[in-house]
Protein backbone atom coordinates (compact mmCIF):
# COMPACT_ATOMS: atom_id res chain seq x y z
CA MET A 1 96.84 91.10 102.76
CA ARG A 2 99.79 93.35 100.60
CA CYS A 3 101.38 96.39 102.05
CA PHE A 4 101.18 99.25 99.89
CA ASN A 5 103.24 102.04 101.68
CA ASP A 6 105.99 104.57 99.88
CA TYR A 7 108.90 102.32 100.79
CA TYR A 8 107.70 99.32 98.97
CA ILE A 9 105.82 101.21 95.84
CA GLU A 10 109.13 102.87 95.95
CA LYS A 11 110.89 99.65 95.41
CA PHE A 12 108.58 98.12 92.91
CA SER A 13 109.43 101.62 90.91
CA SER A 14 113.12 100.98 90.75
CA LEU A 15 112.26 97.41 89.91
CA LEU A 16 110.69 97.68 87.01
CA LEU A 17 112.96 100.62 85.89
CA GLU A 18 115.80 97.76 85.77
CA ILE A 19 114.01 95.83 83.56
CA ASN A 20 115.06 95.31 80.07
CA TRP A 21 111.91 95.64 78.38
CA SER A 22 112.96 93.62 75.13
CA SER A 23 110.78 90.45 75.94
CA VAL A 24 107.55 92.61 75.15
CA TYR A 25 109.18 94.25 71.74
CA ASP A 26 109.90 90.63 70.71
CA SER A 27 106.41 89.08 71.39
CA VAL A 28 105.08 88.13 68.06
CA GLY A 29 101.49 89.64 67.76
CA ALA A 30 99.36 92.39 69.81
CA ASN A 31 98.23 89.64 72.01
CA SER A 32 101.55 88.36 72.68
CA GLU A 33 102.66 91.92 73.89
CA PHE A 34 100.30 92.63 76.03
CA ASP A 35 100.61 89.00 77.90
CA SER A 36 104.47 89.44 78.23
CA LEU A 37 103.53 93.25 80.02
CA TYR A 38 101.34 91.61 82.40
CA ASN A 39 103.45 88.76 82.95
CA THR A 40 106.34 90.76 84.37
CA VAL A 41 104.74 93.34 85.68
CA SER A 42 102.63 90.49 87.74
CA PHE A 43 106.20 88.99 88.72
CA HIS A 44 107.87 91.92 89.81
CA PHE A 45 104.41 93.18 92.13
CA ASP A 46 104.49 89.69 93.98
CA LYS A 47 107.96 90.22 94.56
CA SER A 48 107.69 93.90 95.64
CA PHE A 49 104.57 93.26 97.65
CA PRO A 50 104.11 90.30 98.86
CA LYS A 51 101.60 88.49 100.99
CA LYS A 52 101.14 88.39 105.08
CA LEU A 53 98.79 86.88 107.20
CA VAL A 54 97.69 89.73 109.23
CA LYS A 55 95.27 89.55 112.39
CA ILE A 56 92.40 91.81 112.44
CA LYS A 57 91.59 93.08 115.54
CA LYS A 58 87.53 93.96 116.02
CA SER A 59 87.20 97.07 117.43
CA VAL A 60 85.05 97.81 120.48
CA ASP A 61 82.78 100.86 120.57
CA ALA A 62 82.88 101.66 123.85
CA ARG A 63 80.44 104.41 124.52
CA TRP A 64 77.89 101.77 126.28
CA ILE A 65 80.75 99.89 128.38
CA THR A 66 79.73 100.83 131.61
CA THR A 67 81.63 100.42 135.03
CA GLU A 68 79.13 98.23 135.97
CA LEU A 69 79.58 96.18 132.86
CA ARG A 70 83.22 96.28 133.18
CA GLU A 71 83.62 94.96 136.34
CA ILE A 72 80.84 92.11 135.55
CA SER A 73 83.17 91.58 132.46
CA ARG A 74 86.69 91.69 135.05
CA ARG A 75 84.66 88.65 137.58
CA SER A 76 83.54 86.72 134.59
CA THR A 77 86.80 86.31 133.26
CA GLU A 78 88.25 85.29 137.01
CA LEU A 79 85.46 82.57 137.56
CA SER A 80 86.84 81.06 133.78
CA GLU A 81 89.94 80.97 135.45
CA LEU A 82 89.27 79.54 138.37
CA ASN A 83 86.84 77.02 137.14
CA GLN A 84 89.70 75.82 134.81
CA VAL A 85 91.96 75.45 137.62
CA TYR A 86 89.89 73.75 139.66
CA LYS A 87 87.19 72.60 137.76
CA ASN A 88 84.83 73.08 140.43
CA GLY A 89 80.81 73.40 139.26
CA LEU A 90 80.49 75.96 141.31
CA TYR A 91 82.92 78.70 139.58
CA HIS A 92 80.99 77.15 136.71
CA ARG A 93 77.43 78.38 138.02
CA GLU A 94 78.09 81.38 139.40
CA TYR A 95 80.86 81.89 135.69
CA GLN A 96 76.89 81.31 133.39
CA GLU A 97 74.64 83.13 136.01
CA LEU A 98 77.07 86.20 136.06
CA LYS A 99 77.41 85.73 131.86
CA THR A 100 73.79 86.26 131.21
CA ILE A 101 73.53 88.85 133.24
CA TYR A 102 75.95 90.27 131.58
CA LEU A 103 74.46 90.20 128.45
CA VAL A 104 71.11 90.95 129.47
CA LYS A 105 72.88 94.80 130.85
CA LEU A 106 74.72 94.61 127.35
CA LYS A 107 71.44 94.95 125.58
CA HIS A 108 69.75 97.27 128.11
CA ALA A 109 73.49 99.50 127.85
CA LYS A 110 73.20 99.13 124.09
CA LYS A 111 69.59 100.27 123.58
CA THR A 112 69.97 102.90 125.95
CA CYS A 113 72.78 104.29 124.26
CA ASN A 114 71.65 104.64 120.70
CA ASP A 115 67.83 105.91 121.90
CA ASP A 116 69.85 108.49 123.59
CA ARG A 117 71.54 108.90 120.04
CA ILE A 118 68.73 109.36 117.77
CA SER A 119 66.56 111.27 120.16
CA SER A 120 69.63 114.18 120.54
CA ALA A 121 70.02 114.30 116.91
CA ASP A 122 69.48 116.65 114.18
CA ASN A 123 68.45 114.29 111.51
CA GLU A 124 66.61 111.42 113.94
CA VAL A 125 66.60 108.69 110.10
CA LYS A 126 69.72 110.01 109.29
CA GLU A 127 71.53 109.19 112.67
CA SER A 128 69.20 105.72 112.68
CA TRP A 129 70.77 104.64 109.68
CA LYS A 130 74.14 105.71 111.02
CA ILE A 131 73.96 103.03 113.76
CA ILE A 132 72.68 100.63 111.59
CA LYS A 133 75.74 101.09 108.87
CA GLU A 134 78.17 100.62 112.21
CA ALA A 135 76.47 97.54 113.57
CA HIS A 136 76.53 95.86 109.99
CA ASN A 137 80.23 97.32 109.57
CA GLY A 138 80.79 95.18 113.20
CA TYR A 139 81.01 92.37 110.75
CA THR A 140 84.31 91.05 110.14
CA GLY A 141 83.36 89.38 106.93
CA ASN A 142 85.00 86.11 108.18
CA ALA A 143 82.11 83.95 108.55
CA ILE A 144 81.84 80.68 105.70
CA PRO A 145 78.56 81.62 103.54
CA CYS A 146 76.34 78.98 103.17
CA LEU A 147 74.65 78.91 99.83
CA GLN A 148 71.96 76.40 97.50
CA SER A 149 71.50 76.57 93.45
CA ALA A 150 67.77 77.19 92.56
CA GLU A 151 67.44 73.72 91.69
CA GLY A 152 68.17 71.94 95.20
CA GLY A 153 70.71 69.46 96.04
CA ASP A 154 73.61 70.33 98.40
CA ILE A 155 74.27 73.40 100.76
CA LEU A 156 77.74 75.11 99.62
CA SER A 157 79.77 76.12 102.21
CA ASP A 158 82.93 75.87 100.60
CA ASN A 159 84.18 79.23 99.07
CA PHE A 160 85.35 77.91 96.27
CA ALA A 161 82.88 76.56 95.52
CA ILE A 162 80.26 78.81 96.01
CA CYS A 163 82.60 81.07 93.62
CA ASN A 164 82.74 78.66 91.07
CA LEU A 165 78.77 78.31 91.33
CA PHE A 166 78.56 82.09 90.54
CA SER A 167 80.80 82.08 87.80
CA GLU A 168 78.95 79.43 86.18
CA TYR A 169 75.48 81.61 86.45
CA PHE A 170 76.56 84.58 85.40
CA SER A 171 78.52 82.81 82.18
CA THR A 172 75.98 80.51 81.06
CA VAL A 173 72.45 83.19 82.55
CA SER A 174 71.52 83.41 78.50
CA SER A 175 72.05 80.10 77.29
CA SER A 176 68.66 79.27 78.52
CA ILE A 177 67.16 82.22 76.67
CA SER A 178 65.75 81.58 73.06
CA LYS A 179 68.04 84.01 70.77
CA PRO A 180 66.36 86.87 69.43
CA ASP A 181 64.68 86.62 65.99
CA THR A 182 67.80 87.85 63.19
CA LYS A 183 64.55 88.60 60.70
CA ASN A 184 63.28 91.61 61.78
CA ILE A 185 65.61 93.78 63.37
CA ASN A 186 65.39 97.34 63.48
CA TYR A 187 68.02 99.91 61.92
CA MET A 188 68.59 103.68 62.20
CA SER A 189 69.76 105.14 58.94
CA SER A 190 73.22 103.69 57.62
CA ALA A 191 76.10 106.01 57.49
CA HIS A 192 77.99 105.69 54.27
CA GLN A 193 81.26 107.19 56.27
CA SER A 194 82.80 104.68 58.46
CA ILE A 195 85.00 105.34 61.36
CA TYR A 196 88.26 104.88 61.99
CA LEU A 197 91.02 103.92 64.90
CA TYR A 198 93.77 106.55 64.78
CA PRO A 199 96.84 106.05 66.17
CA ALA A 200 97.01 106.67 70.57
CA THR A 201 99.81 109.23 70.73
CA LYS A 202 101.81 109.73 74.36
CA MET A 203 99.58 112.42 75.49
CA ASP A 204 96.67 109.94 74.69
CA ILE A 205 99.13 107.35 77.34
CA LYS A 206 98.89 110.12 80.22
CA GLN A 207 95.28 111.69 79.43
CA VAL A 208 94.21 108.15 80.19
CA ILE A 209 96.40 107.24 83.06
CA LYS A 210 95.43 110.78 84.57
CA LYS A 211 91.68 109.50 84.38
CA VAL A 212 92.96 106.19 86.31
CA CYS A 213 91.30 106.79 90.11
CA LYS A 214 93.16 106.65 93.11
CA LYS A 215 91.37 103.88 94.80
CA LYS A 216 92.41 100.72 97.37
CA SER A 217 90.18 98.24 94.95
CA SER A 218 92.47 96.45 92.24
CA GLY A 219 91.27 94.10 89.20
CA ILE A 220 92.41 90.63 88.37
CA ASN A 221 96.44 91.65 89.08
CA GLU A 222 95.71 93.08 92.49
CA ILE A 223 97.31 96.38 91.38
CA PRO A 224 95.32 99.16 93.42
CA GLY A 225 94.77 102.81 91.50
CA HIS A 226 97.00 104.82 93.23
CA VAL A 227 100.10 102.13 92.56
CA PHE A 228 98.70 101.90 88.95
CA LYS A 229 99.14 105.04 88.26
CA GLU A 230 102.52 105.34 90.12
CA ILE A 231 104.61 102.45 87.98
CA ALA A 232 102.52 103.40 84.38
CA ASN A 233 104.44 106.63 84.90
CA VAL A 234 107.81 104.71 85.59
CA ILE A 235 107.11 102.24 82.55
CA SER A 236 105.81 104.98 80.58
CA GLU A 237 109.57 106.48 78.98
CA PRO A 238 111.64 102.84 79.51
CA LEU A 239 108.20 101.33 77.24
CA GLU A 240 106.82 102.20 74.46
CA LEU A 241 103.26 102.10 75.13
CA THR A 242 101.95 103.76 72.49
CA HIS A 243 103.55 100.72 70.09
CA ILE A 244 101.77 98.01 72.30
CA VAL A 245 98.13 99.68 72.24
CA ASN A 246 98.49 100.69 68.59
CA SER A 247 99.57 96.94 67.39
CA THR A 248 96.14 96.22 68.67
CA PHE A 249 94.39 98.17 67.12
CA ILE A 250 96.52 97.72 63.39
CA GLU A 251 95.75 93.76 64.14
CA GLY A 252 92.00 94.82 65.07
CA ARG A 253 92.84 92.17 68.27
CA PHE A 254 91.98 92.78 71.50
CA PRO A 255 94.25 91.44 74.16
CA ASP A 256 93.11 88.26 76.05
CA ILE A 257 94.15 89.12 79.00
CA LEU A 258 92.20 92.46 79.02
CA LYS A 259 89.22 90.38 78.97
CA MET A 260 89.10 89.39 82.25
CA SER A 261 87.11 91.29 85.21
CA LYS A 262 86.69 90.42 89.29
CA VAL A 263 83.64 90.16 90.57
CA LEU A 264 83.05 90.49 93.87
CA ALA A 265 80.47 88.80 95.37
CA ASN A 266 79.21 91.50 98.19
CA LYS A 267 76.56 93.17 96.87
CA SER A 268 72.91 92.19 96.27
CA THR A 269 69.63 93.79 95.85
CA VAL A 270 69.14 93.81 99.72
CA VAL A 271 71.43 96.58 99.67
CA ALA A 272 70.29 98.63 96.74
CA ILE A 273 66.69 98.43 98.20
CA ASP A 274 68.19 99.36 101.88
CA GLN A 275 69.94 102.35 99.80
CA LEU A 276 66.44 103.32 98.20
CA ILE A 277 64.49 103.23 101.35
CA LYS A 278 67.20 105.14 103.14
CA HIS A 279 66.46 107.79 100.50
CA ALA A 280 63.45 107.99 100.42
CA LEU A 281 63.15 108.38 104.45
CA GLU A 282 65.99 111.17 104.16
CA ILE A 283 63.42 112.92 101.49
CA LEU A 284 60.36 112.34 103.44
CA GLU A 285 62.29 113.69 106.71
CA ASN A 286 62.68 117.19 104.46
CA LYS A 287 59.25 117.47 103.67
CA GLN A 288 59.28 116.17 100.16
CA GLN A 289 58.07 113.67 98.16
CA PRO A 290 59.68 110.88 96.64
CA LEU A 291 59.04 109.71 93.48
CA GLY A 292 60.98 106.47 91.33
CA LEU A 293 60.70 105.13 87.86
CA PHE A 294 61.80 102.26 87.46
CA PHE A 295 62.47 100.09 84.07
CA ASP A 296 62.79 96.22 83.62
CA LEU A 297 65.59 95.44 81.70
CA SER A 298 65.84 91.75 82.62
CA LYS A 299 69.16 89.99 81.18
CA ALA A 300 69.25 93.16 79.07
CA PHE A 301 73.49 92.96 78.85
CA ASP A 302 73.10 89.45 78.75
CA LEU A 303 70.97 88.72 75.80
CA VAL A 304 72.98 90.38 73.46
CA ASP A 305 73.61 88.55 70.20
CA HIS A 306 77.28 89.59 68.96
CA ASP A 307 76.12 88.66 64.95
CA ILE A 308 73.60 90.97 65.25
CA LEU A 309 75.70 93.92 67.03
CA LEU A 310 78.64 93.64 64.40
CA HIS A 311 76.10 94.03 61.62
CA LYS A 312 74.52 96.80 62.76
CA LEU A 313 78.09 98.19 63.81
CA SER A 314 78.98 97.61 60.22
CA PHE A 315 75.55 99.49 58.91
CA TYR A 316 76.62 102.59 61.03
CA GLY A 317 79.83 102.98 60.02
CA ILE A 318 82.35 101.19 62.35
CA ARG A 319 84.44 99.07 59.63
CA GLY A 320 87.25 97.89 58.96
CA SER A 321 89.96 96.91 61.94
CA ALA A 322 87.48 98.82 64.29
CA LEU A 323 84.88 96.24 63.92
CA ASN A 324 87.57 93.92 64.07
CA TRP A 325 89.06 95.30 67.38
CA VAL A 326 85.14 95.34 68.88
CA GLY A 327 84.46 91.73 67.48
CA SER A 328 87.84 90.47 68.71
CA TYR A 329 86.86 91.71 72.32
CA LEU A 330 83.18 89.71 72.34
CA PRO A 331 83.42 85.90 71.86
CA ASP A 332 85.01 83.96 74.46
CA ARG A 333 84.92 86.71 77.12
CA SER A 334 86.85 84.27 80.13
CA ARG A 335 86.00 87.63 82.46
CA GLN A 336 84.64 85.84 85.24
CA LEU A 337 86.20 85.69 88.49
CA VAL A 338 84.16 85.60 91.27
CA CYS A 339 85.31 86.35 94.71
CA VAL A 340 84.41 85.30 98.06
CA ASN A 341 86.18 85.79 100.98
CA GLY A 342 89.74 86.34 99.57
CA ILE A 343 88.65 82.76 97.43
CA ASN A 344 88.49 82.95 93.60
CA SER A 345 87.18 80.90 91.33
CA LYS A 346 88.39 79.23 88.03
CA ARG A 347 89.24 81.66 85.90
CA LYS A 348 88.18 80.71 81.86
CA MET A 349 84.49 80.66 81.88
CA TYR A 350 84.04 81.35 78.30
CA ILE A 351 80.91 84.09 77.68
CA LYS A 352 79.03 83.30 74.42
CA ARG A 353 76.52 86.18 74.23
CA GLY A 354 76.27 89.50 75.90
CA THR A 355 78.14 92.18 76.92
CA SER A 356 79.77 93.26 80.00
CA ARG A 357 78.43 95.31 82.22
CA LEU A 358 81.76 96.92 83.68
CA CYS A 359 83.63 97.13 80.51
CA PHE A 360 83.95 101.35 79.18
CA GLY A 361 82.39 101.73 76.22
CA THR A 362 79.12 98.52 76.62
CA PRO A 363 76.78 102.12 76.82
CA PRO A 364 76.95 103.45 73.78
CA ILE A 365 77.60 99.79 72.55
CA PHE A 366 73.94 98.70 73.99
CA GLY A 367 72.34 101.76 72.43
CA PHE A 368 73.93 100.72 68.71
CA TYR A 369 72.11 97.16 69.56
CA LYS A 370 68.83 98.06 70.90
């Protein structure tokens, strides 16, 4: 893991201030400029925030640990040490018996403690879910998951193999579904005027930076939001960011490096159902009636045909360099970088159809498509 304290952030900022950014301006084309900027910042980021191996100790909730349990645990440790020294079967049998007693009493103590918490809580449902969440967070996440494809075959336990399986699925999920009929396409009224991309100003850049959330999460560059805000303000003065952004507008070329996104395989429909049930129970606890509306948009974003989308955007007024800019983003998006337990998949899994669900502006674009 990396340490992002004030000392290392200050070190990172100082290194960036010393950089001669002429290599960025000397690059030919907007795509090369972004690559040069990305590589330069990434190099100094790795230098300022080196990865370190850290052993994370699992915290123990001692609310249900009684004096009796502590005494049994102490005696078990003594018996285990005596057994290692004397290799005596008597110590081993006594240790096993005491271990069984400890586990039974520990289970009973946990149940008693949780029952008392729930019965004394103002909101029993909320407290129950809090206990479940605490138990879930106790899982360190370091266990190796196992996965088998829907078609059967070998069961995968290697993190890298699992990452690549997920990445391949996300990249090819739409290829098995037939392309839409291009003859029967619905259109709204055509726009006679065109939408243009106006040059970005320094104020525009500052407003975008200001909206970045100060979160610890990061993308493929591993730079957290709060660190990005610090370095963006540092490099915005010596480095003309507006020049780099505007060059993409002029060329109508979306930078390839920005097509990448990171997918963390730690969420599932089970989590969504868990949240839904929790919300519904809280409503019932408050003597109200829950109501849900569900829309089946299976593979909706994955089925967007690029040719149809670009034709519709042109029909509605997005033309010229603006259309080229959007069009350059869609094909060959190598967005799939799946991460499982800190292991990343292969980076280049090109997307031939669909639009990213995570990209800013995707929902409006999907609205144009439909």
